[in-house]
């Protein structure tokens, strides 16, 4: 998985879960490589933006205020 900079995040007796981030071409290359082994399920998030750095109470409130309508605020965000 080093070539794709992918991570195995769960291993079971008959399956494993792989996480991979990168360009569309990189993701497609990984999927094409794994396809002969059988892909049971494939999920894609699309583009995701994530803030980096320390979190303060004030920044969490700013994120909650900027969250789209219909979400639960910061708890619904991937961080």
N, C-alpha and C. Protein backbone atom coordinates (compact mmCIF):
# COMPACT_ATOMS: atom_id res chain seq x y z
N UNK A 1 0.82 -1.21 0.00
CA UNK A 1 0.00 0.00 0.00
C UNK A 1 0.86 1.27 0.00
N UNK A 2 2.13 1.15 0.24
CA UNK A 2 3.01 2.31 0.31
C UNK A 2 2.98 3.11 -1.00
N UNK A 3 2.89 2.42 -2.13
CA UNK A 3 2.86 3.10 -3.42
C UNK A 3 1.70 4.09 -3.50
N UNK A 4 0.56 3.71 -2.93
CA UNK A 4 -0.63 4.55 -2.98
C UNK A 4 -0.80 5.42 -1.75
N UNK A 5 0.09 5.29 -0.79
CA UNK A 5 -0.02 5.98 0.49
C UNK A 5 -1.38 5.71 1.13
N UNK A 6 -1.80 4.45 1.04
CA UNK A 6 -3.07 4.01 1.61
C UNK A 6 -2.80 3.38 2.97
N UNK A 7 -3.83 3.35 3.80
CA UNK A 7 -3.73 2.75 5.14
C UNK A 7 -4.78 1.66 5.29
N UNK A 8 -4.36 0.55 5.87
CA UNK A 8 -5.31 -0.49 6.24
C UNK A 8 -5.83 -0.11 7.62
N UNK A 9 -7.14 0.16 7.72
CA UNK A 9 -7.71 0.64 8.98
C UNK A 9 -8.48 -0.44 9.73
N UNK A 10 -8.76 -1.57 9.06
CA UNK A 10 -9.42 -2.69 9.75
C UNK A 10 -9.13 -3.97 8.99
N UNK A 11 -8.86 -5.04 9.73
CA UNK A 11 -8.61 -6.35 9.14
C UNK A 11 -9.52 -7.36 9.81
N UNK A 12 -10.21 -8.14 8.98
CA UNK A 12 -11.04 -9.25 9.47
C UNK A 12 -10.52 -10.53 8.80
N UNK A 13 -11.11 -11.65 9.15
CA UNK A 13 -10.66 -12.92 8.60
C UNK A 13 -10.80 -12.99 7.08
N UNK A 14 -11.84 -12.38 6.55
CA UNK A 14 -12.08 -12.47 5.11
C UNK A 14 -12.19 -11.12 4.40
N UNK A 15 -11.79 -10.05 5.05
CA UNK A 15 -11.86 -8.73 4.42
C UNK A 15 -10.93 -7.75 5.11
N UNK A 16 -10.75 -6.60 4.48
CA UNK A 16 -10.03 -5.51 5.11
C UNK A 16 -10.58 -4.19 4.61
N UNK A 17 -10.37 -3.15 5.40
CA UNK A 17 -10.83 -1.80 5.05
C UNK A 17 -9.59 -0.97 4.79
N UNK A 18 -9.59 -0.30 3.65
CA UNK A 18 -8.45 0.51 3.23
C UNK A 18 -8.89 1.96 3.09
N UNK A 19 -8.06 2.87 3.57
CA UNK A 19 -8.30 4.31 3.43
C UNK A 19 -7.22 4.87 2.50
N UNK A 20 -7.64 5.64 1.53
CA UNK A 20 -6.68 6.24 0.61
C UNK A 20 -7.15 7.65 0.27
N UNK A 21 -6.24 8.59 0.32
CA UNK A 21 -6.56 9.97 -0.07
C UNK A 21 -5.60 10.38 -1.18
N UNK A 22 -6.06 11.25 -2.05
CA UNK A 22 -5.20 11.74 -3.11
C UNK A 22 -6.00 12.15 -4.32
N UNK A 23 -5.29 12.28 -5.43
CA UNK A 23 -5.93 12.71 -6.67
C UNK A 23 -6.84 11.61 -7.21
N UNK A 24 -7.74 12.00 -8.09
CA UNK A 24 -8.66 11.06 -8.70
C UNK A 24 -7.89 9.95 -9.42
N UNK A 25 -6.82 10.31 -10.12
CA UNK A 25 -6.02 9.31 -10.82
C UNK A 25 -5.41 8.29 -9.86
N UNK A 26 -4.93 8.76 -8.72
CA UNK A 26 -4.34 7.87 -7.73
C UNK A 26 -5.38 6.91 -7.17
N UNK A 27 -6.56 7.43 -6.85
CA UNK A 27 -7.63 6.59 -6.32
C UNK A 27 -8.04 5.55 -7.36
N UNK A 28 -8.21 5.98 -8.61
CA UNK A 28 -8.59 5.04 -9.67
C UNK A 28 -7.53 3.96 -9.85
N UNK A 29 -6.26 4.31 -9.76
CA UNK A 29 -5.19 3.31 -9.89
C UNK A 29 -5.25 2.28 -8.78
N UNK A 30 -5.55 2.73 -7.55
CA UNK A 30 -5.68 1.79 -6.43
C UNK A 30 -6.88 0.87 -6.64
N UNK A 31 -8.00 1.44 -7.04
CA UNK A 31 -9.21 0.63 -7.28
C UNK A 31 -8.94 -0.39 -8.38
N UNK A 32 -8.29 0.02 -9.46
CA UNK A 32 -7.97 -0.90 -10.56
C UNK A 32 -7.04 -2.02 -10.09
N UNK A 33 -6.11 -1.69 -9.20
CA UNK A 33 -5.19 -2.69 -8.66
C UNK A 33 -5.90 -3.70 -7.77
N UNK A 34 -6.89 -3.22 -6.99
CA UNK A 34 -7.59 -4.09 -6.05
C UNK A 34 -8.75 -4.86 -6.69
N UNK A 35 -9.25 -4.40 -7.81
CA UNK A 35 -10.43 -5.01 -8.44
C UNK A 35 -10.28 -6.52 -8.64
N UNK A 36 -9.14 -7.06 -9.09
CA UNK A 36 -9.03 -8.52 -9.26
C UNK A 36 -9.21 -9.32 -7.96
N UNK A 37 -8.99 -8.69 -6.82
CA UNK A 37 -9.16 -9.37 -5.54
C UNK A 37 -10.61 -9.37 -5.07
N UNK A 38 -11.42 -8.52 -5.70
CA UNK A 38 -12.83 -8.40 -5.33
C UNK A 38 -13.06 -7.25 -4.37
N UNK A 39 -13.86 -6.30 -4.79
CA UNK A 39 -14.21 -5.15 -3.95
C UNK A 39 -15.65 -5.35 -3.52
N UNK A 40 -15.86 -5.51 -2.21
CA UNK A 40 -17.21 -5.74 -1.69
C UNK A 40 -18.00 -4.45 -1.59
N UNK A 41 -17.32 -3.37 -1.26
CA UNK A 41 -17.99 -2.08 -1.07
C UNK A 41 -16.96 -0.99 -1.32
N UNK A 42 -17.41 0.12 -1.91
CA UNK A 42 -16.51 1.23 -2.19
C UNK A 42 -17.24 2.52 -1.86
N UNK A 43 -16.64 3.34 -1.02
CA UNK A 43 -17.23 4.63 -0.67
C UNK A 43 -16.27 5.75 -1.02
N UNK A 44 -16.81 6.80 -1.56
CA UNK A 44 -15.99 7.97 -1.89
C UNK A 44 -16.64 9.21 -1.30
N UNK A 45 -15.81 10.07 -0.72
CA UNK A 45 -16.34 11.28 -0.12
C UNK A 45 -16.29 12.47 -1.06
N UNK A 46 -15.46 12.42 -2.06
CA UNK A 46 -15.23 13.59 -2.90
C UNK A 46 -14.25 14.51 -2.19
N UNK A 47 -14.19 15.74 -2.60
CA UNK A 47 -13.27 16.69 -2.00
C UNK A 47 -13.71 17.04 -0.58
N UNK A 48 -12.77 17.04 0.34
CA UNK A 48 -13.04 17.35 1.74
C UNK A 48 -12.00 18.35 2.21
N UNK A 49 -12.42 19.41 2.86
CA UNK A 49 -11.49 20.38 3.44
C UNK A 49 -11.51 20.23 4.94
N UNK A 50 -10.32 20.18 5.52
CA UNK A 50 -10.21 20.01 6.97
C UNK A 50 -9.25 21.05 7.52
N UNK A 51 -9.66 21.68 8.60
CA UNK A 51 -8.81 22.69 9.25
C UNK A 51 -7.70 21.99 10.02
N UNK A 52 -6.56 22.64 10.11
CA UNK A 52 -5.44 22.11 10.87
C UNK A 52 -5.09 23.09 11.97
N UNK A 53 -4.45 22.58 12.99
CA UNK A 53 -3.98 23.44 14.06
C UNK A 53 -4.80 23.27 15.33
N UNK A 54 -4.40 23.98 16.36
CA UNK A 54 -5.09 23.84 17.65
C UNK A 54 -6.52 24.38 17.58
N UNK A 55 -7.36 23.81 18.39
CA UNK A 55 -8.76 24.23 18.47
C UNK A 55 -9.00 24.96 19.78
N UNK A 56 -9.62 26.08 19.68
CA UNK A 56 -10.03 26.80 20.88
C UNK A 56 -11.55 26.78 20.93
N UNK A 57 -12.11 27.07 22.05
CA UNK A 57 -13.57 27.11 22.18
C UNK A 57 -14.15 28.11 21.18
N UNK A 58 -13.48 29.24 20.98
CA UNK A 58 -13.98 30.26 20.06
C UNK A 58 -13.98 29.75 18.62
N UNK A 59 -12.93 29.01 18.22
CA UNK A 59 -12.90 28.51 16.84
C UNK A 59 -13.97 27.46 16.61
N UNK A 60 -14.28 26.65 17.62
CA UNK A 60 -15.34 25.65 17.49
C UNK A 60 -16.68 26.35 17.29
N UNK A 61 -16.92 27.44 18.01
CA UNK A 61 -18.18 28.18 17.85
C UNK A 61 -18.26 28.84 16.47
N UNK A 62 -17.11 29.33 15.96
CA UNK A 62 -17.10 29.91 14.61
C UNK A 62 -17.43 28.83 13.58
N UNK A 63 -16.87 27.63 13.74
CA UNK A 63 -17.16 26.53 12.81
C UNK A 63 -18.65 26.16 12.86
N UNK A 64 -19.20 26.12 14.06
CA UNK A 64 -20.61 25.78 14.21
C UNK A 64 -21.49 26.82 13.54
N UNK A 65 -21.13 28.09 13.68
CA UNK A 65 -21.91 29.17 13.07
C UNK A 65 -21.83 29.12 11.55
N UNK A 66 -20.70 28.64 11.01
CA UNK A 66 -20.52 28.58 9.56
C UNK A 66 -21.05 27.28 8.96
N UNK A 67 -21.46 26.32 9.79
CA UNK A 67 -21.95 25.03 9.28
C UNK A 67 -23.21 25.24 8.47
N UNK A 68 -23.36 24.47 7.38
CA UNK A 68 -24.58 24.59 6.58
C UNK A 68 -25.82 24.27 7.40
N UNK A 69 -26.94 24.86 7.01
CA UNK A 69 -28.21 24.62 7.70
C UNK A 69 -28.58 23.14 7.62
N UNK A 70 -29.09 22.60 8.72
CA UNK A 70 -29.51 21.22 8.73
C UNK A 70 -28.48 20.26 9.30
N UNK A 71 -27.29 20.77 9.66
CA UNK A 71 -26.30 19.91 10.30
C UNK A 71 -26.33 20.15 11.79
N UNK A 72 -25.65 19.33 12.50
CA UNK A 72 -25.62 19.46 13.95
C UNK A 72 -24.43 20.29 14.44
N UNK A 73 -23.82 21.04 13.55
CA UNK A 73 -22.68 21.85 13.95
C UNK A 73 -21.39 21.06 13.88
N UNK A 74 -20.43 21.37 14.75
CA UNK A 74 -19.11 20.77 14.64
C UNK A 74 -19.11 19.24 14.74
N UNK A 75 -20.07 18.66 15.45
CA UNK A 75 -20.11 17.21 15.58
C UNK A 75 -20.32 16.53 14.23
N UNK A 76 -20.94 17.22 13.28
CA UNK A 76 -21.22 16.63 11.97
C UNK A 76 -20.03 16.78 11.02
N UNK A 77 -19.01 17.50 11.43
CA UNK A 77 -17.87 17.75 10.56
C UNK A 77 -16.80 16.69 10.75
N UNK A 78 -16.05 16.40 9.69
CA UNK A 78 -14.91 15.49 9.79
C UNK A 78 -13.69 16.31 10.18
N UNK A 79 -13.15 16.02 11.35
CA UNK A 79 -11.93 16.71 11.79
C UNK A 79 -10.95 15.71 12.35
